[in-house]
């Protein structure tokens, strides 16, 4: 479930006592659920089609009208019975942490067709098994909001068992790594795409060699799609205490004509706080970066416009509300463009003649994306902004005259 929490400090018990809240117990061993009305495997907590989610219990199904169950009989307590969840969720209260989840799904006497989302991320792709076959799979998940939600769908989704195991906490490295979450203006491009570049692939030039940059940015993503596609989850499952997460989105959030990407300014703040919370929970430091400006010139005023002003403002408000450091790249980039003028900014952006670069055989006129030179200059501005924050990462930014 996408949401925010203040951060839970309690751990939970390995086996649940009915009607006893999870938050009152400690997770000293894996948490095990045996689904269905039949016999219960040793060390497992039974979850039946009658177990609606209740806060005091701490687990259960959200919509019992979409849940049924069957017991095929037999000696295998796990595989002989199951719960069928047709388009609803099973939720478990858990502290924010990283987990390994393993599940068994199948039916000794019928087909199974199942897809599983965890926290809105597809973790088990659509899978079909015939009678007597079982899906036995596992995946990792970085939980942020204190309540695990598993959403089951498919033509005949059946679940037999679920095991939730907390992963060991990671320790800080000798030097921090810096993870980047962003869009096409930040991402690292293949050499075949030259001269296109994102500022994230140039940022290391402006920091000392002790710092490792992990650029997970990718084109076409908003705060929403980056999250639901599991890209934030991947970062949070690897980020360590003492690391940093630089967050720049806005270009695709503002794409109101693309509802898959679009995020309203109000929801943009909610998503940003999810990124922030996830990083802080894992001992890392988030840094917000307002979206870099496009080459959008106001001839009447002889200056460049701020791009996505509602999102720039929303990010600034988020920084103020959370106390998170912010680099105002929107302001820095507009100010830089104004020193160059309309024609002077052309070498920054993808304005290319036909036949010069194999990746752009017919040329291109693009006022959003950068050439390598432009990406380097924007990275310089980001480094300048980080240096001025006076956070520990600032000490690794190279002085202007050493670049």
Protein backbone atom coordinates (compact mmCIF):
# COMPACT_ATOMS: atom_id res chain seq x y z
CA UNK A 1 0.00 0.00 0.00
CA UNK A 2 1.30 3.41 -0.90
CA UNK A 3 1.21 5.66 2.11
CA UNK A 4 3.09 7.35 4.88
CA UNK A 5 3.85 6.45 8.46
CA UNK A 6 5.85 7.91 11.27
CA UNK A 7 7.99 4.78 11.38
CA UNK A 8 7.19 1.81 13.56
CA UNK A 9 9.83 0.60 15.99
CA UNK A 10 8.16 -2.58 17.20
CA UNK A 11 8.93 -6.05 15.82
CA UNK A 12 6.39 -8.81 15.52
CA UNK A 13 6.00 -12.44 16.54
CA UNK A 14 6.74 -15.34 14.22
CA UNK A 15 3.40 -17.01 14.89
CA UNK A 16 0.30 -14.93 15.47
CA UNK A 17 -2.10 -15.48 18.28
CA UNK A 18 -5.70 -14.89 17.07
CA UNK A 19 -7.14 -11.53 18.09
CA UNK A 20 -3.71 -10.38 19.28
CA UNK A 21 -2.30 -7.37 17.47
CA UNK A 22 0.92 -7.95 15.59
CA UNK A 23 2.37 -4.74 16.94
CA UNK A 24 2.47 -6.28 20.42
CA UNK A 25 4.86 -9.04 19.38
CA UNK A 26 8.37 -9.53 18.10
CA UNK A 27 9.51 -11.03 14.80
CA UNK A 28 12.26 -13.31 16.01
CA UNK A 29 11.66 -15.77 13.16
CA UNK A 30 9.76 -15.85 9.87
CA UNK A 31 6.05 -15.08 9.97
CA UNK A 32 4.09 -17.97 8.39
CA UNK A 33 0.50 -18.12 7.13
CA UNK A 34 -1.33 -21.31 6.13
CA UNK A 35 -4.38 -20.41 4.01
CA UNK A 36 -7.55 -22.47 3.93
CA UNK A 37 -10.03 -24.31 6.18
CA UNK A 38 -8.11 -27.56 6.59
CA UNK A 39 -5.42 -28.65 9.03
CA UNK A 40 -2.76 -26.09 9.89
CA UNK A 41 0.93 -26.75 9.31
CA UNK A 42 3.16 -26.63 12.38
CA UNK A 43 4.47 -23.15 13.11
CA UNK A 44 1.93 -21.47 10.85
CA UNK A 45 -0.96 -19.12 11.56
CA UNK A 46 -4.20 -20.12 9.84
CA UNK A 47 -5.86 -17.57 7.56
CA UNK A 48 -9.32 -18.49 6.31
CA UNK A 49 -11.91 -16.91 4.03
CA UNK A 50 -13.67 -15.62 7.16
CA UNK A 51 -10.68 -13.61 8.39
CA UNK A 52 -11.48 -10.02 7.56
CA UNK A 53 -8.75 -7.52 8.30
CA UNK A 54 -9.09 -5.96 11.74
CA UNK A 55 -6.50 -3.62 13.25
CA UNK A 56 -6.59 -5.50 16.54
CA UNK A 57 -5.76 -8.75 14.76
CA UNK A 58 -3.23 -7.15 12.45
CA UNK A 59 -3.90 -9.28 9.37
CA UNK A 60 -6.74 -10.42 7.14
CA UNK A 61 -8.56 -9.92 3.85
CA UNK A 62 -9.92 -6.53 2.85
CA UNK A 63 -13.01 -7.73 0.96
CA UNK A 64 -14.45 -11.07 2.06
CA UNK A 65 -17.01 -10.99 -0.77
CA UNK A 66 -14.13 -11.82 -3.11
CA UNK A 67 -12.67 -14.60 -0.98
CA UNK A 68 -13.61 -18.29 -0.87
CA UNK A 69 -11.85 -21.45 0.25
CA UNK A 70 -11.67 -25.19 -0.31
CA UNK A 71 -10.16 -28.23 1.39
CA UNK A 72 -9.22 -31.08 -0.96
CA UNK A 73 -8.21 -33.41 1.88
CA UNK A 74 -4.89 -35.18 2.19
CA UNK A 75 -1.82 -35.30 4.37
CA UNK A 76 -0.12 -32.13 3.14
CA UNK A 77 -1.39 -29.37 5.43
CA UNK A 78 -0.09 -26.67 3.10
CA UNK A 79 -1.12 -27.95 -0.33
CA UNK A 80 -4.36 -29.75 0.48
CA UNK A 81 -6.36 -26.56 1.07
CA UNK A 82 -6.32 -23.01 -0.17
CA UNK A 83 -8.03 -19.65 -0.23
CA UNK A 84 -9.20 -18.22 -3.56
CA UNK A 85 -8.83 -14.42 -3.67
CA UNK A 86 -10.48 -13.01 -6.77
CA UNK A 87 -9.38 -9.38 -7.00
CA UNK A 88 -8.80 -8.42 -3.39
CA UNK A 89 -5.98 -8.07 -0.90
CA UNK A 90 -4.50 -9.79 2.11
CA UNK A 91 -2.83 -7.31 4.46
CA UNK A 92 -0.44 -7.71 7.37
CA UNK A 93 0.73 -5.02 9.76
CA UNK A 94 4.52 -5.01 9.73
CA UNK A 95 7.22 -2.53 10.72
CA UNK A 96 8.86 -0.65 7.86
CA UNK A 97 11.81 -2.83 6.84
CA UNK A 98 13.06 -5.06 4.05
CA UNK A 99 11.55 -8.53 3.74
CA UNK A 100 11.81 -11.72 1.75
CA UNK A 101 8.41 -13.18 0.93
CA UNK A 102 7.85 -16.71 -0.32
CA UNK A 103 4.52 -18.18 -1.31
CA UNK A 104 2.93 -21.40 -2.49
CA UNK A 105 -0.08 -21.22 -4.79
CA UNK A 106 -1.89 -24.14 -6.39
CA UNK A 107 -4.54 -26.82 -6.21
CA UNK A 108 -4.24 -30.60 -6.21
CA UNK A 109 -7.52 -30.94 -8.12
CA UNK A 110 -7.86 -27.83 -10.30
CA UNK A 111 -6.07 -25.21 -12.32
CA UNK A 112 -4.51 -22.07 -10.86
CA UNK A 113 -4.12 -18.74 -12.64
CA UNK A 114 -2.57 -16.09 -10.42
CA UNK A 115 -0.90 -12.69 -10.43
CA UNK A 116 0.41 -11.08 -7.25
CA UNK A 117 1.09 -7.43 -6.54
CA UNK A 118 2.90 -6.37 -3.39
CA UNK A 119 2.56 -2.68 -2.51
CA UNK A 120 1.17 -2.03 -6.01
CA UNK A 121 4.24 -3.67 -7.60
CA UNK A 122 3.77 -6.79 -9.72
CA UNK A 123 5.98 -9.33 -7.96
CA UNK A 124 4.52 -12.54 -9.40
CA UNK A 125 3.82 -12.25 -13.11
CA UNK A 126 0.66 -13.94 -14.50
CA UNK A 127 1.25 -17.66 -13.96
CA UNK A 128 -0.88 -20.67 -14.88
CA UNK A 129 -0.55 -24.10 -13.28
CA UNK A 130 -2.58 -27.23 -13.97
CA UNK A 131 -4.06 -29.51 -11.30
CA UNK A 132 -1.37 -30.83 -8.99
CA UNK A 133 1.14 -28.14 -9.94
CA UNK A 134 2.12 -25.34 -7.58
CA UNK A 135 3.69 -21.94 -7.91
CA UNK A 136 6.58 -21.84 -5.44
CA UNK A 137 8.31 -18.50 -5.65
CA UNK A 138 9.82 -15.74 -3.60
CA UNK A 139 10.66 -12.08 -3.87
CA UNK A 140 12.05 -9.22 -1.84
CA UNK A 141 10.21 -6.09 -0.80
CA UNK A 142 11.07 -2.81 0.90
CA UNK A 143 8.06 -1.99 3.08
CA UNK A 144 7.53 1.71 3.78
CA UNK A 145 4.08 2.33 5.20
CA UNK A 146 3.78 -0.23 7.99
CA UNK A 147 1.18 -2.41 6.29
CA UNK A 148 2.01 -5.07 3.72
CA UNK A 149 -0.66 -5.42 1.04
CA UNK A 150 -0.70 -8.42 -1.29
CA UNK A 151 -3.23 -8.09 -4.09
CA UNK A 152 -4.26 -11.33 -5.81
CA UNK A 153 -5.79 -11.45 -9.28
CA UNK A 154 -6.06 -13.76 -12.28
CA UNK A 155 -8.65 -16.16 -13.65
CA UNK A 156 -8.38 -18.53 -10.68
CA UNK A 157 -5.99 -17.17 -8.04
CA UNK A 158 -5.40 -19.57 -5.16
CA UNK A 159 -2.99 -19.15 -2.28
CA UNK A 160 -1.81 -21.93 0.05
CA UNK A 161 0.96 -20.41 2.13
CA UNK A 162 2.94 -17.25 2.72
CA UNK A 163 6.18 -16.82 4.66
CA UNK A 164 7.50 -13.35 5.53
CA UNK A 165 11.13 -13.17 6.62
CA UNK A 166 12.87 -9.96 7.71
CA UNK A 167 16.16 -9.33 5.98
CA UNK A 168 19.28 -8.52 7.94
CA UNK A 169 19.91 -4.84 8.41
CA UNK A 170 22.63 -3.41 6.22
CA UNK A 171 25.58 -1.50 7.62
CA UNK A 172 27.15 1.70 6.39
CA UNK A 173 30.02 1.59 3.93
CA UNK A 174 33.32 3.39 4.38
CA UNK A 175 32.05 6.12 2.07
CA UNK A 176 28.50 6.96 1.07
CA UNK A 177 26.92 5.87 -2.17
CA UNK A 178 24.52 8.26 -3.86
CA UNK A 179 21.41 6.83 -5.53
CA UNK A 180 19.58 8.86 -8.15
CA UNK A 181 15.85 8.51 -8.78
CA UNK A 182 14.66 10.53 -11.74
CA UNK A 183 13.54 10.77 -15.33
CA UNK A 184 15.12 11.10 -18.79
CA UNK A 185 16.84 14.38 -17.93
CA UNK A 186 18.80 12.51 -15.24
CA UNK A 187 19.30 9.00 -16.64
CA UNK A 188 22.51 7.49 -17.99
CA UNK A 189 22.32 6.77 -21.72
CA UNK A 190 24.00 4.05 -23.75
CA UNK A 191 26.93 5.14 -25.91
CA UNK A 192 24.80 4.37 -28.98
CA UNK A 193 22.61 7.35 -28.02
CA UNK A 194 25.43 9.90 -28.19
CA UNK A 195 25.39 12.80 -27.80
CA UNK A 196 22.27 12.52 -25.60
CA UNK A 197 23.06 12.47 -21.90
CA UNK A 198 21.43 13.04 -18.53
CA UNK A 199 22.97 15.02 -15.74
CA UNK A 200 23.09 11.90 -13.59
CA UNK A 201 25.73 10.34 -15.81
CA UNK A 202 27.94 13.44 -15.43
CA UNK A 203 27.53 14.16 -11.73
CA UNK A 204 30.55 12.09 -10.64
CA UNK A 205 32.83 14.57 -12.41
CA UNK A 206 32.06 17.09 -9.70
CA UNK A 207 32.72 14.88 -6.65
CA UNK A 208 35.78 13.23 -5.22
CA UNK A 209 36.55 9.65 -6.14
CA UNK A 210 35.36 8.29 -2.77
CA UNK A 211 31.74 8.80 -3.81
CA UNK A 212 29.94 6.16 -5.87
CA UNK A 213 26.90 7.23 -7.86
CA UNK A 214 24.17 4.70 -8.59
CA UNK A 215 21.98 6.25 -11.27
CA UNK A 216 18.66 4.39 -11.35
CA UNK A 217 16.86 7.13 -13.27
CA UNK A 218 14.97 6.21 -16.43
CA UNK A 219 13.04 8.09 -19.06
CA UNK A 220 9.29 8.53 -19.08
CA UNK A 221 8.77 7.96 -15.36
CA UNK A 222 6.90 10.05 -12.86
CA UNK A 223 6.99 9.69 -9.09
CA UNK A 224 4.07 7.27 -9.48
CA UNK A 225 5.32 5.03 -12.30
CA UNK A 226 8.86 4.87 -10.89
CA UNK A 227 7.30 3.52 -7.70
CA UNK A 228 4.71 1.08 -9.07
CA UNK A 229 7.24 -0.39 -11.50
CA UNK A 230 9.38 -1.36 -8.51
CA UNK A 231 12.26 1.02 -9.18
CA UNK A 232 12.09 2.76 -5.81
CA UNK A 233 11.74 -0.67 -4.21
CA UNK A 234 14.97 -1.75 -5.89
CA UNK A 235 16.80 1.30 -4.53
CA UNK A 236 15.50 0.85 -1.00
CA UNK A 237 16.46 -2.82 -0.93
CA UNK A 238 20.07 -1.82 -1.64
CA UNK A 239 20.60 1.58 -0.06
CA UNK A 240 22.63 1.56 3.16
CA UNK A 241 22.82 3.72 6.26
CA UNK A 242 24.84 6.81 5.45
CA UNK A 243 23.94 6.74 1.75
CA UNK A 244 22.00 9.42 -0.11
CA UNK A 245 18.95 9.43 -2.38
CA UNK A 246 18.69 12.31 -4.85
CA UNK A 247 15.12 12.70 -6.14
CA UNK A 248 14.21 14.69 -9.26
CA UNK A 249 10.79 14.25 -10.88
CA UNK A 250 8.20 16.56 -12.39
CA UNK A 251 8.48 16.40 -16.18
CA UNK A 252 6.29 13.32 -16.47
CA UNK A 253 4.18 13.96 -13.38
CA UNK A 254 2.85 17.00 -15.21
CA UNK A 255 1.87 15.01 -18.33
CA UNK A 256 -1.89 15.39 -17.83
CA UNK A 257 -2.59 13.81 -21.24
CA UNK A 258 -0.89 10.60 -20.12
CA UNK A 259 -2.91 9.27 -17.20
CA UNK A 260 -0.48 6.41 -16.56
CA UNK A 261 2.22 8.94 -15.69
CA UNK A 262 0.20 11.92 -14.53
CA UNK A 263 0.28 12.88 -10.87
CA UNK A 264 -1.48 15.95 -9.53
CA UNK A 265 0.66 18.41 -7.56
CA UNK A 266 -1.08 17.30 -4.35
CA UNK A 267 -0.40 13.61 -5.05
CA UNK A 268 3.13 14.49 -6.14
CA UNK A 269 3.78 15.62 -2.58
CA UNK A 270 2.41 12.34 -1.22
CA UNK A 271 4.64 10.30 -3.51
CA UNK A 272 7.68 12.41 -2.68
CA UNK A 273 7.06 11.81 1.02
CA UNK A 274 6.99 8.08 0.34
CA UNK A 275 10.47 8.29 -1.24
CA UNK A 276 11.65 10.40 1.68
CA UNK A 277 10.23 8.06 4.30
CA UNK A 278 11.68 4.98 2.63
CA UNK A 279 15.17 6.45 2.57
CA UNK A 280 15.09 7.74 6.14
CA UNK A 281 13.80 4.42 7.48
CA UNK A 282 16.93 2.76 6.08
CA UNK A 283 19.33 5.30 7.53
CA UNK A 284 19.89 7.14 4.25
CA UNK A 285 19.53 10.86 3.57
CA UNK A 286 17.07 12.03 0.91
CA UNK A 287 17.73 15.21 -1.06
CA UNK A 288 14.97 16.76 -3.17
CA UNK A 289 15.94 18.37 -6.49
CA UNK A 290 13.39 20.57 -8.24
CA UNK A 291 12.87 19.63 -11.91
CA UNK A 292 15.46 21.07 -14.25
CA UNK A 293 14.02 23.73 -16.54
CA UNK A 294 13.27 23.20 -20.21
CA UNK A 295 14.48 25.61 -22.88
CA UNK A 296 11.30 27.67 -22.66
CA UNK A 297 11.97 31.30 -23.57
CA UNK A 298 9.66 34.25 -22.94
CA UNK A 299 10.57 36.70 -25.70
CA UNK A 300 8.48 39.50 -24.20
CA UNK A 301 10.45 39.34 -20.97
CA UNK A 302 13.72 38.28 -22.62
CA UNK A 303 14.15 35.49 -20.07
CA UNK A 304 13.49 31.82 -19.61
CA UNK A 305 10.38 30.53 -17.88
CA UNK A 306 10.25 28.20 -14.90
CA UNK A 307 9.07 24.79 -16.09
CA UNK A 308 6.32 22.97 -14.17
CA UNK A 309 5.95 25.77 -11.58
CA UNK A 310 3.20 23.94 -9.66
CA UNK A 311 5.50 20.97 -9.15
CA UNK A 312 8.47 23.13 -8.25
CA UNK A 313 6.33 24.77 -5.57
CA UNK A 314 4.96 21.43 -4.38
CA UNK A 315 8.48 20.06 -3.96
CA UNK A 316 9.56 23.13 -2.02
CA UNK A 317 6.54 22.73 0.24
CA UNK A 318 7.43 19.06 0.75
CA UNK A 319 10.97 20.00 1.74
CA UNK A 320 9.64 22.55 4.24
CA UNK A 321 7.10 20.11 5.69
CA UNK A 322 9.60 17.27 6.12
CA UNK A 323 12.80 19.16 6.87
CA UNK A 324 14.53 17.47 3.95
CA UNK A 325 17.35 19.24 2.11
CA UNK A 326 16.48 20.71 -1.29
CA UNK A 327 18.52 21.80 -4.30
CA UNK A 328 16.50 24.27 -6.35
CA UNK A 329 17.73 23.11 -9.73
CA UNK A 330 14.78 24.84 -11.37
CA UNK A 331 16.05 28.20 -10.19
CA UNK A 332 19.70 27.41 -10.85
CA UNK A 333 19.07 26.18 -14.38
CA UNK A 334 16.84 29.15 -15.35
CA UNK A 335 19.45 31.57 -14.00
CA UNK A 336 22.16 29.77 -15.98
CA UNK A 337 20.13 29.80 -19.20
CA UNK A 338 19.56 33.53 -18.78
CA UNK A 339 23.31 34.15 -18.74
CA UNK A 340 23.55 32.40 -22.13
CA UNK A 341 20.49 33.72 -23.92
CA UNK A 342 18.25 31.99 -26.41
CA UNK A 343 20.89 31.13 -28.99
CA UNK A 344 23.54 30.44 -26.37
CA UNK A 345 21.51 27.60 -24.85
CA UNK A 346 21.32 25.65 -28.11
CA UNK A 347 24.57 23.68 -27.43
CA UNK A 348 23.07 22.46 -24.14
CA UNK A 349 20.05 20.77 -25.66
CA UNK A 350 19.47 18.16 -28.35
CA UNK A 351 19.47 20.46 -31.35
CA UNK A 352 21.24 18.37 -33.96
CA UNK A 353 21.57 18.54 -37.72
CA UNK A 354 20.70 15.52 -39.90
CA UNK A 355 23.40 12.98 -40.65
CA UNK A 356 25.76 13.98 -37.85
CA UNK A 357 24.98 11.33 -35.23
CA UNK A 358 23.83 7.75 -35.99
CA UNK A 359 21.28 7.89 -33.16
CA UNK A 360 19.60 10.90 -34.80
CA UNK A 361 19.91 10.37 -38.55
CA UNK A 362 17.27 12.98 -39.45
CA UNK A 363 18.38 15.41 -36.76
CA UNK A 364 16.32 16.60 -33.80
CA UNK A 365 15.02 19.78 -32.15
CA UNK A 366 14.49 18.95 -28.48
CA UNK A 367 14.18 21.63 -25.79
CA UNK A 368 13.94 19.14 -22.90
CA UNK A 369 16.85 16.73 -23.21
CA UNK A 370 20.55 17.46 -23.12
CA UNK A 371 23.64 16.90 -25.15
CA UNK A 372 26.68 15.74 -23.17
CA UNK A 373 27.90 19.30 -22.73
CA UNK A 374 24.52 20.42 -21.41
CA UNK A 375 24.23 17.44 -19.06
CA UNK A 376 27.66 18.26 -17.68
CA UNK A 377 26.68 21.86 -17.03
CA UNK A 378 23.48 20.85 -15.26
CA UNK A 379 25.45 18.34 -13.16
CA UNK A 380 27.76 21.20 -12.23
CA UNK A 381 24.75 23.15 -10.97
CA UNK A 382 23.53 20.15 -8.93
CA UNK A 383 26.96 19.77 -7.35
CA UNK A 384 26.98 23.49 -6.59
CA UNK A 385 23.60 23.15 -4.91
CA UNK A 386 24.75 20.18 -2.84
CA UNK A 387 27.93 21.99 -1.83
CA UNK A 388 25.82 24.87 -0.51
CA UNK A 389 23.61 22.57 1.61
CA UNK A 390 26.36 21.99 4.17
CA UNK A 391 25.40 18.36 4.69
CA UNK A 392 28.08 15.63 5.02
CA UNK A 393 27.86 14.91 1.26
CA UNK A 394 28.81 18.55 0.61
CA UNK A 395 32.37 17.90 1.73
CA UNK A 396 32.88 15.51 -1.18
CA UNK A 397 31.85 18.06 -3.85
CA UNK A 398 34.88 19.37 -5.69
CA UNK A 399 35.66 23.05 -5.41
CA UNK A 400 34.75 25.02 -8.54
CA UNK A 401 38.38 25.72 -9.40
CA UNK A 402 39.37 22.01 -9.16
CA UNK A 403 36.98 20.79 -11.85
